[in-house]
PDB file of all heavy atoms in Angstrom:
ATOM      1  N   SER A   1       0.765  -1.255   0.019  1.00  0.00           N
ATOM      2  CA  SER A   1      -0.023  -0.002   0.020  1.00  0.00           C
ATOM      3  C   SER A   1       0.859   1.267   0.012  1.00  0.00           C
ATOM      4  O   SER A   1       0.520   2.221  -0.673  1.00  0.00           O
ATOM      5  CB  SER A   1      -0.984   0.012   1.211  1.00  0.00           C
ATOM      6  OG  SER A   1      -0.172  -0.020   2.428  1.00  0.00           O
ATOM      7  N   GLN A   2       1.961   1.228   0.684  1.00  0.00           N
ATOM      8  CA  GLN A   2       2.813   2.486   0.697  1.00  0.00           C
ATOM      9  C   GLN A   2       3.409   2.638  -0.689  1.00  0.00           C
ATOM     10  O   GLN A   2       3.526   3.914  -1.124  1.00  0.00           O
ATOM     11  CB  GLN A   2       3.970   2.321   1.750  1.00  0.00           C
ATOM     12  CG  GLN A   2       4.718   3.616   1.987  1.00  0.00           C
ATOM     13  CD  GLN A   2       3.751   4.741   2.418  1.00  0.00           C
ATOM     14  OE1 GLN A   2       2.932   4.631   3.389  1.00  0.00           O
ATOM     15  NE2 GLN A   2       3.746   5.954   1.745  1.00  0.00           N
ATOM     16  N   GLU A   3       3.895   1.716  -1.379  1.00  0.00           N
ATOM     17  CA  GLU A   3       4.303   1.853  -2.757  1.00  0.00           C
ATOM     18  C   GLU A   3       3.261   2.483  -3.649  1.00  0.00           C
ATOM     19  O   GLU A   3       3.652   3.335  -4.406  1.00  0.00           O
ATOM     20  CB  GLU A   3       4.911   0.583  -3.283  1.00  0.00           C
ATOM     21  CG  GLU A   3       6.232   0.075  -2.590  1.00  0.00           C
ATOM     22  CD  GLU A   3       6.012  -0.904  -1.557  1.00  0.00           C
ATOM     23  OE1 GLU A   3       4.807  -1.151  -1.078  1.00  0.00           O
ATOM     24  OE2 GLU A   3       6.977  -1.434  -1.160  1.00  0.00           O
ATOM     25  N   ALA A   4       2.047   1.975  -3.452  1.00  0.00           N
ATOM     26  CA  ALA A   4       1.047   2.541  -4.256  1.00  0.00           C
ATOM     27  C   ALA A   4       0.673   3.996  -3.931  1.00  0.00           C
ATOM     28  O   ALA A   4       0.523   4.801  -4.801  1.00  0.00           O
ATOM     29  CB  ALA A   4      -0.220   1.645  -3.998  1.00  0.00           C
ATOM     30  N   LYS A   5       0.703   4.235  -2.636  1.00  0.00           N
ATOM     31  CA  LYS A   5       0.497   5.673  -2.224  1.00  0.00           C
ATOM     32  C   LYS A   5       1.591   6.609  -2.754  1.00  0.00           C
ATOM     33  O   LYS A   5       1.308   7.625  -3.241  1.00  0.00           O
ATOM     34  CB  LYS A   5       0.441   5.745  -0.655  1.00  0.00           C
ATOM     35  CG  LYS A   5      -0.786   5.245  -0.094  1.00  0.00           C
ATOM     36  CD  LYS A   5      -0.750   5.289   1.414  1.00  0.00           C
ATOM     37  CE  LYS A   5      -1.937   4.583   2.003  1.00  0.00           C
ATOM     38  NZ  LYS A   5      -1.939   4.641   3.545  1.00  0.00           N
ATOM     39  N   ASP A   6       2.847   6.142  -2.678  1.00  0.00           N
ATOM     40  CA  ASP A   6       3.927   6.894  -3.174  1.00  0.00           C
ATOM     41  C   ASP A   6       3.897   7.115  -4.693  1.00  0.00           C
ATOM     42  O   ASP A   6       4.147   8.213  -5.260  1.00  0.00           O
ATOM     43  CB  ASP A   6       5.324   6.177  -2.931  1.00  0.00           C
ATOM     44  CG  ASP A   6       5.647   6.246  -1.456  1.00  0.00           C
ATOM     45  OD1 ASP A   6       5.050   6.945  -0.674  1.00  0.00           O
ATOM     46  OD2 ASP A   6       6.565   5.462  -0.964  1.00  0.00           O
ATOM     47  N   ALA A   7       3.474   6.102  -5.452  1.00  0.00           N
ATOM     48  CA  ALA A   7       3.361   6.195  -6.932  1.00  0.00           C
ATOM     49  C   ALA A   7       2.149   7.189  -7.257  1.00  0.00           C
ATOM     50  O   ALA A   7       2.274   8.081  -8.159  1.00  0.00           O
ATOM     51  CB  ALA A   7       2.908   4.819  -7.496  1.00  0.00           C
ATOM     52  N   ILE A   8       1.080   7.171  -6.481  1.00  0.00           N
ATOM     53  CA  ILE A   8      -0.013   8.068  -6.666  1.00  0.00           C
ATOM     54  C   ILE A   8       0.482   9.568  -6.419  1.00  0.00           C
ATOM     55  O   ILE A   8       0.170  10.485  -7.139  1.00  0.00           O
ATOM     56  CB  ILE A   8      -1.243   7.733  -5.864  1.00  0.00           C
ATOM     57  CG1 ILE A   8      -1.833   6.415  -6.378  1.00  0.00           C
ATOM     58  CG2 ILE A   8      -2.252   8.876  -5.912  1.00  0.00           C
ATOM     59  CD1 ILE A   8      -2.897   5.898  -5.437  1.00  0.00           C
ATOM     60  N   GLN A   9       1.175   9.711  -5.325  1.00  0.00           N
ATOM     61  CA  GLN A   9       1.746  10.982  -4.913  1.00  0.00           C
ATOM     62  C   GLN A   9       2.701  11.547  -6.079  1.00  0.00           C
ATOM     63  O   GLN A   9       2.516  12.681  -6.438  1.00  0.00           O
ATOM     64  CB  GLN A   9       2.487  10.918  -3.557  1.00  0.00           C
ATOM     65  CG  GLN A   9       3.264  12.183  -3.182  1.00  0.00           C
ATOM     66  CD  GLN A   9       2.500  13.049  -2.343  1.00  0.00           C
ATOM     67  OE1 GLN A   9       1.442  12.830  -1.882  1.00  0.00           O
ATOM     68  NE2 GLN A   9       3.110  14.246  -2.149  1.00  0.00           N
ATOM     69  N   GLN A  10       3.632  10.737  -6.549  1.00  0.00           N
ATOM     70  CA  GLN A  10       4.545  11.161  -7.527  1.00  0.00           C
ATOM     71  C   GLN A  10       3.764  11.497  -8.817  1.00  0.00           C
ATOM     72  O   GLN A  10       4.173  12.511  -9.475  1.00  0.00           O
ATOM     73  CB  GLN A  10       5.577  10.059  -7.837  1.00  0.00           C
ATOM     74  CG  GLN A  10       6.565   9.883  -6.703  1.00  0.00           C
ATOM     75  CD  GLN A  10       7.411   8.670  -6.825  1.00  0.00           C
ATOM     76  OE1 GLN A  10       7.300   7.927  -7.831  1.00  0.00           O
ATOM     77  NE2 GLN A  10       8.355   8.412  -5.891  1.00  0.00           N
ATOM     78  N   ALA A  11       2.797  10.729  -9.214  1.00  0.00           N
ATOM     79  CA  ALA A  11       2.054  10.977 -10.461  1.00  0.00           C
ATOM     80  C   ALA A  11       1.293  12.306 -10.277  1.00  0.00           C
ATOM     81  O   ALA A  11       1.266  13.090 -11.223  1.00  0.00           O
ATOM     82  CB  ALA A  11       1.115   9.921 -10.743  1.00  0.00           C
ATOM     83  N   THR A  12       0.735  12.478  -9.150  1.00  0.00           N
ATOM     84  CA  THR A  12      -0.098  13.710  -8.872  1.00  0.00           C
ATOM     85  C   THR A  12       0.808  14.952  -8.894  1.00  0.00           C
ATOM     86  O   THR A  12       0.496  16.034  -9.629  1.00  0.00           O
ATOM     87  CB  THR A  12      -0.812  13.671  -7.568  1.00  0.00           C
ATOM     88  OG1 THR A  12      -1.653  12.448  -7.474  1.00  0.00           O
ATOM     89  CG2 THR A  12      -1.639  14.888  -7.351  1.00  0.00           C
ATOM     90  N   VAL A  13       1.997  14.941  -8.380  1.00  0.00           N
ATOM     91  CA  VAL A  13       2.868  16.084  -8.358  1.00  0.00           C
ATOM     92  C   VAL A  13       3.315  16.307  -9.794  1.00  0.00           C
ATOM     93  O   VAL A  13       3.375  17.433 -10.130  1.00  0.00           O
ATOM     94  CB  VAL A  13       4.040  15.754  -7.422  1.00  0.00           C
ATOM     95  CG1 VAL A  13       5.227  16.796  -7.616  1.00  0.00           C
ATOM     96  CG2 VAL A  13       3.593  15.740  -5.936  1.00  0.00           C
ATOM     97  N   ARG A  14       3.682  15.267 -10.488  1.00  0.00           N
ATOM     98  CA  ARG A  14       4.014  15.445 -11.900  1.00  0.00           C
ATOM     99  C   ARG A  14       2.919  16.117 -12.721  1.00  0.00           C
ATOM    100  O   ARG A  14       3.254  17.135 -13.487  1.00  0.00           O
ATOM    101  CB  ARG A  14       4.485  14.122 -12.564  1.00  0.00           C
ATOM    102  CG  ARG A  14       4.787  14.213 -14.022  1.00  0.00           C
ATOM    103  CD  ARG A  14       5.262  12.853 -14.617  1.00  0.00           C
ATOM    104  NE  ARG A  14       5.152  12.873 -15.992  1.00  0.00           N
ATOM    105  CZ  ARG A  14       4.911  11.896 -16.812  1.00  0.00           C
ATOM    106  NH1 ARG A  14       4.801  10.652 -16.286  1.00  0.00           N
ATOM    107  NH2 ARG A  14       4.837  12.008 -18.083  1.00  0.00           N
ATOM    108  N   TRP A  15       1.749  15.582 -12.502  1.00  0.00           N
ATOM    109  CA  TRP A  15       0.562  16.173 -13.200  1.00  0.00           C
ATOM    110  C   TRP A  15       0.366  17.691 -12.853  1.00  0.00           C
ATOM    111  O   TRP A  15       0.167  18.565 -13.710  1.00  0.00           O
ATOM    112  CB  TRP A  15      -0.666  15.447 -12.905  1.00  0.00           C
ATOM    113  CG  TRP A  15      -1.897  16.001 -13.494  1.00  0.00           C
ATOM    114  CD1 TRP A  15      -2.248  16.123 -14.758  1.00  0.00           C
ATOM    115  CD2 TRP A  15      -2.944  16.692 -12.683  1.00  0.00           C
ATOM    116  NE1 TRP A  15      -3.491  16.679 -14.879  1.00  0.00           N
ATOM    117  CE2 TRP A  15      -3.937  17.056 -13.621  1.00  0.00           C
ATOM    118  CE3 TRP A  15      -3.117  16.794 -11.307  1.00  0.00           C
ATOM    119  CZ2 TRP A  15      -5.095  17.745 -13.204  1.00  0.00           C
ATOM    120  CZ3 TRP A  15      -4.260  17.384 -10.946  1.00  0.00           C
ATOM    121  CH2 TRP A  15      -5.215  17.974 -11.869  1.00  0.00           C
ATOM    122  N   LEU A  16       0.529  17.951 -11.608  1.00  0.00           N
ATOM    123  CA  LEU A  16       0.289  19.412 -11.066  1.00  0.00           C
ATOM    124  C   LEU A  16       1.347  20.345 -11.756  1.00  0.00           C
ATOM    125  O   LEU A  16       1.020  21.365 -12.190  1.00  0.00           O
ATOM    126  CB  LEU A  16       0.398  19.444  -9.648  1.00  0.00           C
ATOM    127  CG  LEU A  16      -0.781  18.958  -8.822  1.00  0.00           C
ATOM    128  CD1 LEU A  16      -0.582  18.919  -7.359  1.00  0.00           C
ATOM    129  CD2 LEU A  16      -2.062  19.894  -9.069  1.00  0.00           C
ATOM    130  N   PHE A  17       2.519  19.897 -11.804  1.00  0.00           N
ATOM    131  CA  PHE A  17       3.579  20.764 -12.428  1.00  0.00           C
ATOM    132  C   PHE A  17       3.329  20.894 -13.922  1.00  0.00           C
ATOM    133  O   PHE A  17       3.373  22.080 -14.421  1.00  0.00           O
ATOM    134  CB  PHE A  17       4.953  20.168 -12.259  1.00  0.00           C
ATOM    135  CG  PHE A  17       5.741  20.468 -11.027  1.00  0.00           C
ATOM    136  CD1 PHE A  17       5.841  19.692  -9.973  1.00  0.00           C
ATOM    137  CD2 PHE A  17       6.254  21.748 -10.834  1.00  0.00           C
ATOM    138  CE1 PHE A  17       6.530  19.877  -8.787  1.00  0.00           C
ATOM    139  CE2 PHE A  17       6.974  22.148  -9.682  1.00  0.00           C
ATOM    140  CZ  PHE A  17       6.978  21.199  -8.629  1.00  0.00           C
ATOM    141  N   GLU A  18       3.009  19.850 -14.610  1.00  0.00           N
ATOM    142  CA  GLU A  18       2.718  20.035 -16.058  1.00  0.00           C
ATOM    143  C   GLU A  18       1.560  20.826 -16.336  1.00  0.00           C
ATOM    144  O   GLU A  18       1.389  21.574 -17.263  1.00  0.00           O
ATOM    145  CB  GLU A  18       2.688  18.591 -16.674  1.00  0.00           C
ATOM    146  CG  GLU A  18       4.007  18.028 -16.614  1.00  0.00           C
ATOM    147  CD  GLU A  18       4.207  16.669 -17.482  1.00  0.00           C
ATOM    148  OE1 GLU A  18       3.427  16.555 -18.407  1.00  0.00           O
ATOM    149  OE2 GLU A  18       5.031  15.839 -17.122  1.00  0.00           O
ATOM    150  N   ALA A  19       0.371  20.656 -15.469  1.00  0.00           N
ATOM    151  CA  ALA A  19      -0.808  21.420 -15.599  1.00  0.00           C
ATOM    152  C   ALA A  19      -0.518  22.889 -15.353  1.00  0.00           C
ATOM    153  O   ALA A  19      -0.976  23.833 -16.193  1.00  0.00           O
ATOM    154  CB  ALA A  19      -1.854  20.868 -14.662  1.00  0.00           C
ATOM    155  N   CYS A  20       0.192  23.173 -14.389  1.00  0.00           N
ATOM    156  CA  CYS A  20       0.588  24.623 -14.047  1.00  0.00           C
ATOM    157  C   CYS A  20       1.326  25.221 -15.156  1.00  0.00           C
ATOM    158  O   CYS A  20       1.074  26.429 -15.542  1.00  0.00           O
ATOM    159  CB  CYS A  20       1.317  24.710 -12.783  1.00  0.00           C
ATOM    160  SG  CYS A  20       0.274  24.486 -11.317  1.00  0.00           S
ATOM    161  N   ILE A  21       2.247  24.521 -15.801  1.00  0.00           N
ATOM    162  CA  ILE A  21       3.034  25.030 -16.842  1.00  0.00           C
ATOM    163  C   ILE A  21       2.126  25.377 -18.064  1.00  0.00           C
ATOM    164  O   ILE A  21       2.289  26.431 -18.743  1.00  0.00           O
ATOM    165  CB  ILE A  21       4.179  24.030 -17.248  1.00  0.00           C
ATOM    166  CG1 ILE A  21       5.225  24.042 -16.203  1.00  0.00           C
ATOM    167  CG2 ILE A  21       4.841  24.412 -18.536  1.00  0.00           C
ATOM    168  CD1 ILE A  21       6.241  22.874 -16.288  1.00  0.00           C
ATOM    169  N   LEU A  22       1.138  24.478 -18.332  1.00  0.00           N
ATOM    170  CA  LEU A  22       0.326  24.731 -19.392  1.00  0.00           C
ATOM    171  C   LEU A  22      -0.553  26.040 -19.183  1.00  0.00           C
ATOM    172  O   LEU A  22      -0.704  26.909 -20.013  1.00  0.00           O
ATOM    173  CB  LEU A  22      -0.734  23.702 -19.558  1.00  0.00           C
ATOM    174  CG  LEU A  22      -0.221  22.316 -20.292  1.00  0.00           C
ATOM    175  CD1 LEU A  22      -1.332  21.178 -20.148  1.00  0.00           C
ATOM    176  CD2 LEU A  22       0.049  22.671 -21.692  1.00  0.00           C
ATOM    177  N   VAL A  23      -1.177  26.238 -17.912  1.00  0.00           N
ATOM    178  CA  VAL A  23      -1.941  27.313 -17.623  1.00  0.00           C
ATOM    179  C   VAL A  23      -1.073  28.623 -17.605  1.00  0.00           C
ATOM    180  O   VAL A  23      -1.473  29.694 -18.133  1.00  0.00           O
ATOM    181  CB  VAL A  23      -2.641  27.235 -16.273  1.00  0.00           C
ATOM    182  CG1 VAL A  23      -3.434  28.388 -15.832  1.00  0.00           C
ATOM    183  CG2 VAL A  23      -3.584  26.010 -16.346  1.00  0.00           C
ATOM    184  N   GLN A  24       0.084  28.556 -17.086  1.00  0.00           N
ATOM    185  CA  GLN A  24       1.055  29.671 -17.060  1.00  0.00           C
ATOM    186  C   GLN A  24       1.300  30.202 -18.421  1.00  0.00           C
ATOM    187  O   GLN A  24       1.240  31.306 -18.763  1.00  0.00           O
ATOM    188  CB  GLN A  24       2.301  29.258 -16.359  1.00  0.00           C
ATOM    189  CG  GLN A  24       3.359  30.416 -16.338  1.00  0.00           C
ATOM    190  CD  GLN A  24       4.776  29.976 -16.135  1.00  0.00           C
ATOM    191  OE1 GLN A  24       5.092  28.812 -16.373  1.00  0.00           O
ATOM    192  NE2 GLN A  24       5.537  30.872 -15.566  1.00  0.00           N
ATOM    193  N   GLY A  25       1.574  29.221 -19.328  1.00  0.00           N
ATOM    194  CA  GLY A  25       1.897  29.600 -20.612  1.00  0.00           C
ATOM    195  C   GLY A  25       0.797  30.312 -21.400  1.00  0.00           C
ATOM    196  O   GLY A  25       0.868  31.323 -22.044  1.00  0.00           O
ATOM    197  N   GLN A  26      -0.406  29.779 -21.218  1.00  0.00           N
ATOM    198  CA  GLN A  26      -1.646  30.326 -21.787  1.00  0.00           C
ATOM    199  C   GLN A  26      -1.974  31.738 -21.131  1.00  0.00           C
ATOM    200  O   GLN A  26      -2.267  32.708 -21.886  1.00  0.00           O
ATOM    201  CB  GLN A  26      -2.898  29.518 -21.702  1.00  0.00           C
ATOM    202  CG  GLN A  26      -4.027  29.905 -22.491  1.00  0.00           C
ATOM    203  CD  GLN A  26      -3.802  29.867 -23.928  1.00  0.00           C
ATOM    204  OE1 GLN A  26      -3.038  29.073 -24.498  1.00  0.00           O
ATOM    205  NE2 GLN A  26      -4.412  30.701 -24.606  1.00  0.00           N
ATOM    206  N   ALA A  27      -1.728  31.844 -19.849  1.00  0.00           N
ATOM    207  CA  ALA A  27      -2.029  33.170 -19.130  1.00  0.00           C
ATOM    208  C   ALA A  27      -1.008  34.185 -19.672  1.00  0.00           C
ATOM    209  O   ALA A  27      -1.355  35.358 -19.904  1.00  0.00           O
ATOM    210  CB  ALA A  27      -1.881  32.962 -17.636  1.00  0.00           C
ATOM    211  N   ILE A  28       0.232  33.848 -19.906  1.00  0.00           N
ATOM    212  CA  ILE A  28       1.198  34.873 -20.466  1.00  0.00           C
ATOM    213  C   ILE A  28       0.724  35.322 -21.846  1.00  0.00           C
ATOM    214  O   ILE A  28       0.839  36.410 -22.171  1.00  0.00           O
ATOM    215  CB  ILE A  28       2.569  34.234 -20.537  1.00  0.00           C
ATOM    216  CG1 ILE A  28       3.084  34.019 -19.017  1.00  0.00           C
ATOM    217  CG2 ILE A  28       3.657  34.958 -21.275  1.00  0.00           C
ATOM    218  CD1 ILE A  28       4.395  33.243 -18.862  1.00  0.00           C
TER     219      ILE A  28
END
């Protein structure tokens, strides 16, 4: 379960960074 939680955490962080970069670029 901890490995699964860690994988979900890492995927979520990656998604947040990439999503923010998309929104930032469009806002600019």
